[in-house]
Protein backbone atom coordinates (compact mmCIF):
# COMPACT_ATOMS: atom_id res chain seq x y z
CA UNK A 1 10.61 -36.67 -31.67
CA UNK A 2 7.12 -37.28 -32.96
CA UNK A 3 4.76 -34.61 -34.28
CA UNK A 4 2.58 -35.01 -31.20
CA UNK A 5 5.57 -34.58 -28.89
CA UNK A 6 6.75 -31.48 -30.75
CA UNK A 7 3.25 -29.98 -30.50
CA UNK A 8 3.20 -30.63 -26.77
CA UNK A 9 6.65 -29.05 -26.38
CA UNK A 10 5.67 -25.92 -28.34
CA UNK A 11 2.51 -25.52 -26.26
CA UNK A 12 4.55 -25.87 -23.05
CA UNK A 13 7.07 -23.24 -24.20
CA UNK A 14 4.24 -20.87 -25.20
CA UNK A 15 2.60 -21.23 -21.78
CA UNK A 16 5.68 -20.01 -19.88
CA UNK A 17 7.15 -16.56 -19.44
CA UNK A 18 10.78 -16.06 -20.41
CA UNK A 19 13.30 -13.30 -19.72
CA UNK A 20 13.23 -10.86 -22.65
CA UNK A 21 16.20 -9.07 -24.20
CA UNK A 22 16.26 -6.44 -21.45
CA UNK A 23 15.38 -8.78 -18.59
CA UNK A 24 11.65 -8.07 -18.58
CA UNK A 25 9.41 -11.13 -18.65
CA UNK A 26 7.88 -11.90 -22.05
CA UNK A 27 5.49 -14.54 -23.28
CA UNK A 28 5.67 -15.81 -26.85
CA UNK A 29 2.50 -16.98 -28.55
CA UNK A 30 2.15 -20.40 -30.10
CA UNK A 31 1.57 -18.76 -33.49
CA UNK A 32 4.91 -16.93 -33.22
CA UNK A 33 6.72 -20.10 -32.23
CA UNK A 34 5.14 -21.99 -35.13
CA UNK A 35 6.14 -19.19 -37.56
CA UNK A 36 9.73 -19.22 -36.28
CA UNK A 37 9.93 -23.00 -36.55
CA UNK A 38 8.58 -22.94 -40.14
CA UNK A 39 11.11 -20.24 -41.04
CA UNK A 40 13.96 -22.20 -39.48
CA UNK A 41 12.97 -25.35 -41.35
CA UNK A 42 12.79 -23.60 -44.71
CA UNK A 43 15.87 -21.38 -44.54
CA UNK A 44 17.79 -21.93 -41.33
CA UNK A 45 18.41 -19.35 -38.63
CA UNK A 46 18.55 -16.42 -41.07
CA UNK A 47 14.99 -17.18 -42.22
CA UNK A 48 13.74 -17.44 -38.62
CA UNK A 49 14.94 -13.93 -37.72
CA UNK A 50 12.09 -11.44 -38.22
CA UNK A 51 12.48 -8.83 -40.94
CA UNK A 52 13.00 -5.28 -39.66
CA UNK A 53 9.84 -3.20 -39.50
CA UNK A 54 9.33 -0.72 -42.30
CA UNK A 55 7.14 2.01 -40.89
CA UNK A 56 6.33 4.97 -43.07
CA UNK A 57 6.28 8.36 -41.36
CA UNK A 58 2.76 9.32 -40.31
CA UNK A 59 3.33 13.06 -40.68
CA UNK A 60 3.72 14.34 -44.26
CA UNK A 61 7.03 16.03 -45.04
CA UNK A 62 5.26 19.29 -45.95
CA UNK A 63 3.75 19.53 -42.46
CA UNK A 64 7.13 18.88 -40.82
CA UNK A 65 8.76 21.56 -42.97
CA UNK A 66 5.98 23.99 -42.05
CA UNK A 67 6.46 23.24 -38.34
CA UNK A 68 10.20 23.92 -38.64
CA UNK A 69 9.52 27.18 -40.49
CA UNK A 70 7.02 28.24 -37.82
CA UNK A 71 9.47 27.47 -35.04
CA UNK A 72 12.20 29.48 -36.78
CA UNK A 73 9.79 32.37 -37.35
CA UNK A 74 8.71 32.59 -33.72
CA UNK A 75 10.66 30.57 -31.18
CA UNK A 76 8.34 31.37 -28.26
CA UNK A 77 5.11 30.10 -29.83
CA UNK A 78 3.01 28.25 -27.27
CA UNK A 79 1.70 24.76 -27.73
CA UNK A 80 -1.87 26.06 -27.79
CA UNK A 81 -1.00 28.53 -30.56
CA UNK A 82 0.68 25.76 -32.55
CA UNK A 83 -2.40 23.58 -32.21
CA UNK A 84 -4.54 26.33 -33.72
CA UNK A 85 -2.54 26.26 -36.98
CA UNK A 86 -4.37 25.07 -40.08
CA UNK A 87 -1.77 22.49 -41.12
CA UNK A 88 -3.47 21.97 -44.50
CA UNK A 89 -2.20 25.39 -45.58
CA UNK A 90 1.39 25.15 -46.76
CA UNK A 91 1.96 28.90 -47.03
CA UNK A 92 4.09 29.91 -44.04
CA UNK A 93 3.00 33.57 -44.24
CA UNK A 94 -0.68 32.61 -44.02
CA UNK A 95 -0.09 30.38 -41.02
CA UNK A 96 2.25 32.63 -39.05
CA UNK A 97 0.08 35.74 -39.09
CA UNK A 98 -0.93 36.59 -35.53
CA UNK A 99 0.59 33.53 -33.84
CA UNK A 100 3.79 35.02 -32.47
CA UNK A 101 3.50 36.25 -28.89
């Protein structure tokens, strides 16, 4: 297959929708197809498989610990009362004063 024919084939595949992993229709961009082909050529199928995403947690651990402490302190706290908390303060006693219903 010539380079021109391969380019035509990749464009044709990118133009179509395909059934995704859960049956929903998906469309793959030409850039993704080109990246997968380059990976396959350099390292076989293992290189073509995308690396798992490494997402860092958006909420700092101190804030999560404070939220757990607040919930333990007062289980019936409303959402509105929780939103009024100054999350920059890490002292549970400072934050919990006056919030429990």
